[in-house]
Amino acid sequence: MSDRIDLDALADIIAARAGEPAEKSYTASLLAGGAERAAKKFGEEAVEAVIAAVSGDKQALTAETADVLYHLAVMLQAAGVPLEDVYAELARRTAQSGHAEKASRKRS
């Protein structure tokens, strides 16, 4: 097994663990709480990553970024959003300049 894991593999692991008992799997327990719980946990981890980045602590930022990516994948699973949809949106956005893409978004 490789020491490297990509987002696709992470999403596959999360999908597989979704069916496990919540008492035995942290992932399953998060998913049992629904999209709201997963989103809240993602937000908490994102804030911790920001704090680590601002403090200049590279080791903490690395660890918190791993938490952010994991909890993002859990949130997507809970919300029923496939990672492929995110990839497609990234591809659409990178097909033009960032300024043009941002200007093309609908204003609310």
N, C-alpha and C. Protein backbone atom coordinates (compact mmCIF):
# COMPACT_ATOMS: atom_id res chain seq x y z
N MET A 1 0.84 -1.20 0.00
CA MET A 1 0.00 0.00 0.00
C MET A 1 0.87 1.25 0.00
N SER A 2 0.52 2.22 -0.79
CA SER A 2 1.25 3.46 -0.90
C SER A 2 1.01 4.35 0.31
N ASP A 3 2.00 5.18 0.62
CA ASP A 3 1.85 6.15 1.70
C ASP A 3 1.02 7.34 1.27
N ARG A 4 0.73 7.43 -0.02
CA ARG A 4 0.01 8.57 -0.57
C ARG A 4 -1.43 8.17 -0.85
N ILE A 5 -2.35 9.06 -0.49
CA ILE A 5 -3.76 8.81 -0.78
C ILE A 5 -4.31 10.05 -1.48
N ASP A 6 -5.10 9.84 -2.52
CA ASP A 6 -5.68 10.98 -3.22
C ASP A 6 -7.15 11.13 -2.80
N LEU A 7 -7.76 12.19 -3.30
CA LEU A 7 -9.15 12.48 -2.90
C LEU A 7 -10.12 11.41 -3.38
N ASP A 8 -9.86 10.83 -4.54
CA ASP A 8 -10.75 9.76 -5.03
C ASP A 8 -10.72 8.56 -4.09
N ALA A 9 -9.52 8.17 -3.67
CA ALA A 9 -9.39 7.04 -2.75
C ALA A 9 -10.03 7.38 -1.41
N LEU A 10 -9.84 8.60 -0.94
CA LEU A 10 -10.46 9.02 0.31
C LEU A 10 -11.97 8.95 0.22
N ALA A 11 -12.54 9.43 -0.88
CA ALA A 11 -13.99 9.38 -1.07
C ALA A 11 -14.48 7.94 -1.11
N ASP A 12 -13.71 7.05 -1.72
CA ASP A 12 -14.09 5.64 -1.76
C ASP A 12 -14.09 5.02 -0.37
N ILE A 13 -13.09 5.35 0.43
CA ILE A 13 -13.02 4.84 1.81
C ILE A 13 -14.22 5.34 2.61
N ILE A 14 -14.54 6.61 2.47
CA ILE A 14 -15.67 7.18 3.20
C ILE A 14 -16.98 6.51 2.77
N ALA A 15 -17.16 6.31 1.48
CA ALA A 15 -18.37 5.63 0.98
C ALA A 15 -18.47 4.21 1.55
N ALA A 16 -17.35 3.52 1.62
CA ALA A 16 -17.36 2.16 2.16
C ALA A 16 -17.68 2.15 3.64
N ARG A 17 -17.17 3.12 4.36
CA ARG A 17 -17.41 3.16 5.80
C ARG A 17 -18.80 3.67 6.16
N ALA A 18 -19.49 4.24 5.20
CA ALA A 18 -20.84 4.75 5.46
C ALA A 18 -21.78 3.65 5.92
N GLY A 19 -21.54 2.44 5.49
CA GLY A 19 -22.41 1.33 5.84
C GLY A 19 -22.03 0.62 7.13
N GLU A 20 -20.96 1.05 7.76
CA GLU A 20 -20.54 0.42 9.01
C GLU A 20 -21.36 0.94 10.18
N PRO A 21 -21.38 0.20 11.29
CA PRO A 21 -22.11 0.69 12.47
C PRO A 21 -21.46 1.97 13.01
N ALA A 22 -22.28 2.95 13.36
CA ALA A 22 -21.78 4.23 13.86
C ALA A 22 -20.95 4.07 15.13
N GLU A 23 -21.22 3.04 15.90
CA GLU A 23 -20.47 2.80 17.14
C GLU A 23 -19.03 2.37 16.86
N LYS A 24 -18.79 1.84 15.67
CA LYS A 24 -17.47 1.31 15.34
C LYS A 24 -16.70 2.18 14.35
N SER A 25 -17.35 3.14 13.73
CA SER A 25 -16.71 3.95 12.70
C SER A 25 -17.01 5.43 12.92
N TYR A 26 -15.93 6.21 13.08
CA TYR A 26 -16.10 7.66 13.22
C TYR A 26 -16.78 8.23 11.98
N THR A 27 -16.37 7.76 10.83
CA THR A 27 -16.97 8.22 9.57
C THR A 27 -18.47 7.94 9.55
N ALA A 28 -18.84 6.73 9.91
CA ALA A 28 -20.26 6.37 9.93
C ALA A 28 -21.02 7.21 10.94
N SER A 29 -20.40 7.52 12.08
CA SER A 29 -21.08 8.34 13.09
C SER A 29 -21.30 9.76 12.58
N LEU A 30 -20.33 10.30 11.86
CA LEU A 30 -20.52 11.63 11.26
C LEU A 30 -21.65 11.61 10.24
N LEU A 31 -21.64 10.60 9.39
CA LEU A 31 -22.67 10.50 8.35
C LEU A 31 -24.05 10.28 8.95
N ALA A 32 -24.13 9.58 10.07
CA ALA A 32 -25.41 9.36 10.73
C ALA A 32 -26.02 10.67 11.21
N GLY A 33 -25.17 11.67 11.45
CA GLY A 33 -25.65 12.98 11.86
C GLY A 33 -26.15 13.83 10.70
N GLY A 34 -26.01 13.33 9.49
CA GLY A 34 -26.50 14.03 8.32
C GLY A 34 -25.57 15.14 7.84
N ALA A 35 -26.03 15.81 6.80
CA ALA A 35 -25.22 16.87 6.17
C ALA A 35 -24.94 18.02 7.13
N GLU A 36 -25.88 18.31 8.02
CA GLU A 36 -25.68 19.42 8.96
C GLU A 36 -24.50 19.15 9.89
N ARG A 37 -24.46 17.96 10.46
CA ARG A 37 -23.35 17.62 11.37
C ARG A 37 -22.03 17.60 10.62
N ALA A 38 -22.03 17.01 9.44
CA ALA A 38 -20.81 16.94 8.64
C ALA A 38 -20.32 18.35 8.27
N ALA A 39 -21.24 19.23 7.91
CA ALA A 39 -20.87 20.60 7.56
C ALA A 39 -20.31 21.36 8.75
N LYS A 40 -20.92 21.16 9.90
CA LYS A 40 -20.45 21.83 11.12
C LYS A 40 -19.02 21.39 11.44
N LYS A 41 -18.77 20.10 11.36
CA LYS A 41 -17.44 19.58 11.65
C LYS A 41 -16.44 20.08 10.62
N PHE A 42 -16.83 20.13 9.35
CA PHE A 42 -15.95 20.68 8.31
C PHE A 42 -15.58 22.13 8.64
N GLY A 43 -16.58 22.91 9.04
CA GLY A 43 -16.32 24.31 9.38
C GLY A 43 -15.35 24.45 10.54
N GLU A 44 -15.51 23.63 11.55
CA GLU A 44 -14.60 23.67 12.70
C GLU A 44 -13.17 23.37 12.26
N GLU A 45 -13.02 22.37 11.43
CA GLU A 45 -11.68 22.00 10.96
C GLU A 45 -11.08 23.08 10.06
N ALA A 46 -11.92 23.72 9.25
CA ALA A 46 -11.43 24.80 8.38
C ALA A 46 -10.90 25.96 9.21
N VAL A 47 -11.61 26.30 10.28
CA VAL A 47 -11.15 27.38 11.17
C VAL A 47 -9.81 27.01 11.80
N GLU A 48 -9.68 25.76 12.24
CA GLU A 48 -8.42 25.32 12.82
C GLU A 48 -7.27 25.40 11.81
N ALA A 49 -7.54 25.10 10.55
CA ALA A 49 -6.52 25.22 9.51
C ALA A 49 -6.13 26.68 9.30
N VAL A 50 -7.09 27.56 9.32
CA VAL A 50 -6.80 28.99 9.17
C VAL A 50 -5.91 29.47 10.31
N ILE A 51 -6.25 29.08 11.51
CA ILE A 51 -5.45 29.48 12.68
C ILE A 51 -4.02 28.96 12.55
N ALA A 52 -3.86 27.72 12.13
CA ALA A 52 -2.53 27.16 11.94
C ALA A 52 -1.76 27.92 10.86
N ALA A 53 -2.43 28.28 9.78
CA ALA A 53 -1.77 29.01 8.69
C ALA A 53 -1.32 30.39 9.16
N VAL A 54 -2.19 31.08 9.87
CA VAL A 54 -1.87 32.43 10.34
C VAL A 54 -0.74 32.40 11.36
N SER A 55 -0.69 31.34 12.16
CA SER A 55 0.36 31.25 13.18
C SER A 55 1.70 30.82 12.60
N GLY A 56 1.69 30.37 11.35
CA GLY A 56 2.93 29.95 10.70
C GLY A 56 3.41 28.57 11.12
N ASP A 57 2.54 27.80 11.74
CA ASP A 57 2.90 26.46 12.21
C ASP A 57 2.65 25.46 11.08
N LYS A 58 3.70 25.14 10.34
CA LYS A 58 3.57 24.26 9.16
C LYS A 58 3.11 22.85 9.53
N GLN A 59 3.60 22.33 10.63
CA GLN A 59 3.20 20.98 11.05
C GLN A 59 1.71 20.95 11.39
N ALA A 60 1.25 21.95 12.14
CA ALA A 60 -0.18 22.02 12.49
C ALA A 60 -1.02 22.26 11.23
N LEU A 61 -0.53 23.09 10.32
CA LEU A 61 -1.28 23.34 9.09
C LEU A 61 -1.40 22.06 8.26
N THR A 62 -0.35 21.29 8.20
CA THR A 62 -0.40 20.02 7.48
C THR A 62 -1.45 19.10 8.09
N ALA A 63 -1.42 18.96 9.41
CA ALA A 63 -2.38 18.08 10.09
C ALA A 63 -3.81 18.60 9.93
N GLU A 64 -4.00 19.89 10.08
CA GLU A 64 -5.35 20.46 9.96
C GLU A 64 -5.86 20.38 8.53
N THR A 65 -4.98 20.51 7.55
CA THR A 65 -5.39 20.39 6.16
C THR A 65 -5.87 18.96 5.87
N ALA A 66 -5.19 17.97 6.44
CA ALA A 66 -5.66 16.60 6.30
C ALA A 66 -7.05 16.45 6.90
N ASP A 67 -7.27 17.07 8.06
CA ASP A 67 -8.60 17.04 8.68
C ASP A 67 -9.64 17.72 7.78
N VAL A 68 -9.27 18.85 7.19
CA VAL A 68 -10.19 19.58 6.31
C VAL A 68 -10.57 18.73 5.11
N LEU A 69 -9.59 18.11 4.46
CA LEU A 69 -9.88 17.30 3.28
C LEU A 69 -10.76 16.10 3.64
N TYR A 70 -10.46 15.45 4.76
CA TYR A 70 -11.29 14.32 5.20
C TYR A 70 -12.72 14.78 5.47
N HIS A 71 -12.87 15.85 6.24
CA HIS A 71 -14.22 16.30 6.60
C HIS A 71 -14.96 16.89 5.40
N LEU A 72 -14.24 17.46 4.44
CA LEU A 72 -14.87 17.90 3.20
C LEU A 72 -15.44 16.70 2.46
N ALA A 73 -14.67 15.63 2.36
CA ALA A 73 -15.14 14.43 1.67
C ALA A 73 -16.34 13.82 2.39
N VAL A 74 -16.34 13.85 3.72
CA VAL A 74 -17.49 13.36 4.49
C VAL A 74 -18.71 14.24 4.22
N MET A 75 -18.52 15.54 4.21
CA MET A 75 -19.63 16.46 3.95
C MET A 75 -20.22 16.24 2.56
N LEU A 76 -19.37 16.05 1.56
CA LEU A 76 -19.86 15.78 0.22
C LEU A 76 -20.66 14.49 0.18
N GLN A 77 -20.15 13.44 0.85
CA GLN A 77 -20.86 12.16 0.93
C GLN A 77 -22.22 12.36 1.59
N ALA A 78 -22.25 13.08 2.69
CA ALA A 78 -23.51 13.29 3.42
C ALA A 78 -24.51 14.08 2.59
N ALA A 79 -24.02 14.99 1.77
CA ALA A 79 -24.90 15.82 0.94
C ALA A 79 -25.23 15.17 -0.40
N GLY A 80 -24.62 14.03 -0.68
CA GLY A 80 -24.89 13.35 -1.95
C GLY A 80 -24.27 14.03 -3.15
N VAL A 81 -23.14 14.70 -2.93
CA VAL A 81 -22.44 15.38 -4.03
C VAL A 81 -21.20 14.57 -4.39
N PRO A 82 -21.20 13.96 -5.59
CA PRO A 82 -20.03 13.18 -6.00
C PRO A 82 -18.81 14.07 -6.24
N LEU A 83 -17.66 13.55 -5.89
CA LEU A 83 -16.41 14.27 -6.13
C LEU A 83 -16.25 14.60 -7.61
N GLU A 84 -16.77 13.76 -8.49
CA GLU A 84 -16.71 14.02 -9.93
C GLU A 84 -17.39 15.35 -10.28
N ASP A 85 -18.46 15.69 -9.58
CA ASP A 85 -19.14 16.96 -9.83
C ASP A 85 -18.25 18.14 -9.45
N VAL A 86 -17.49 17.98 -8.37
CA VAL A 86 -16.56 19.03 -7.95
C VAL A 86 -15.44 19.16 -8.98
N TYR A 87 -14.92 18.02 -9.44
CA TYR A 87 -13.88 18.06 -10.47
C TYR A 87 -14.38 18.75 -11.73
N ALA A 88 -15.61 18.46 -12.12
CA ALA A 88 -16.18 19.08 -13.32
C ALA A 88 -16.31 20.59 -13.15
N GLU A 89 -16.70 21.02 -11.97
CA GLU A 89 -16.82 22.46 -11.71
C GLU A 89 -15.45 23.12 -11.74
N LEU A 90 -14.46 22.47 -11.17
CA LEU A 90 -13.10 23.02 -11.22
C LEU A 90 -12.61 23.12 -12.67
N ALA A 91 -12.90 22.11 -13.48
CA ALA A 91 -12.50 22.14 -14.88
C ALA A 91 -13.19 23.28 -15.62
N ARG A 92 -14.47 23.47 -15.33
CA ARG A 92 -15.21 24.56 -15.97
C ARG A 92 -14.59 25.91 -15.60
N ARG A 93 -14.26 26.05 -14.33
CA ARG A 93 -13.72 27.34 -13.86
C ARG A 93 -12.32 27.62 -14.39
N THR A 94 -11.52 26.59 -14.53
CA THR A 94 -10.14 26.81 -14.97
C THR A 94 -10.02 26.92 -16.48
N ALA A 95 -11.13 26.81 -17.18
CA ALA A 95 -11.11 26.96 -18.64
C ALA A 95 -11.02 28.43 -19.05
N GLN A 96 -11.10 29.32 -18.09
CA GLN A 96 -10.98 30.75 -18.36
C GLN A 96 -10.18 31.40 -17.24
N SER A 97 -9.88 32.68 -17.39
CA SER A 97 -9.11 33.34 -16.34
C SER A 97 -9.96 33.43 -15.07
N GLY A 98 -9.29 33.49 -13.95
CA GLY A 98 -9.98 33.59 -12.67
C GLY A 98 -10.85 34.82 -12.57
N HIS A 99 -10.37 35.94 -13.08
CA HIS A 99 -11.15 37.19 -13.03
C HIS A 99 -12.42 37.07 -13.88
N ALA A 100 -12.28 36.49 -15.07
CA ALA A 100 -13.45 36.33 -15.94
C ALA A 100 -14.45 35.35 -15.34
N GLU A 101 -13.94 34.27 -14.75
CA GLU A 101 -14.83 33.28 -14.14
C GLU A 101 -15.60 33.90 -12.99
N LYS A 102 -14.92 34.64 -12.15
CA LYS A 102 -15.58 35.26 -11.00
C LYS A 102 -16.63 36.28 -11.46
N ALA A 103 -16.31 37.04 -12.49
CA ALA A 103 -17.26 38.03 -13.01
C ALA A 103 -18.49 37.37 -13.62
N SER A 104 -18.34 36.14 -14.10
CA SER A 104 -19.46 35.46 -14.75
C SER A 104 -20.46 34.86 -13.75
N ARG A 105 -20.08 34.78 -12.49
CA ARG A 105 -20.99 34.20 -11.49
C ARG A 105 -22.17 35.13 -11.26
N LYS A 106 -23.31 34.52 -11.00
CA LYS A 106 -24.51 35.31 -10.74
C LYS A 106 -24.37 36.03 -9.40
N ARG A 107 -24.77 37.25 -9.37
CA ARG A 107 -24.76 38.03 -8.13
C ARG A 107 -26.09 37.87 -7.45
N SER A 108 -26.06 37.65 -6.13
CA SER A 108 -27.34 37.53 -5.42
C SER A 108 -27.56 38.67 -4.48
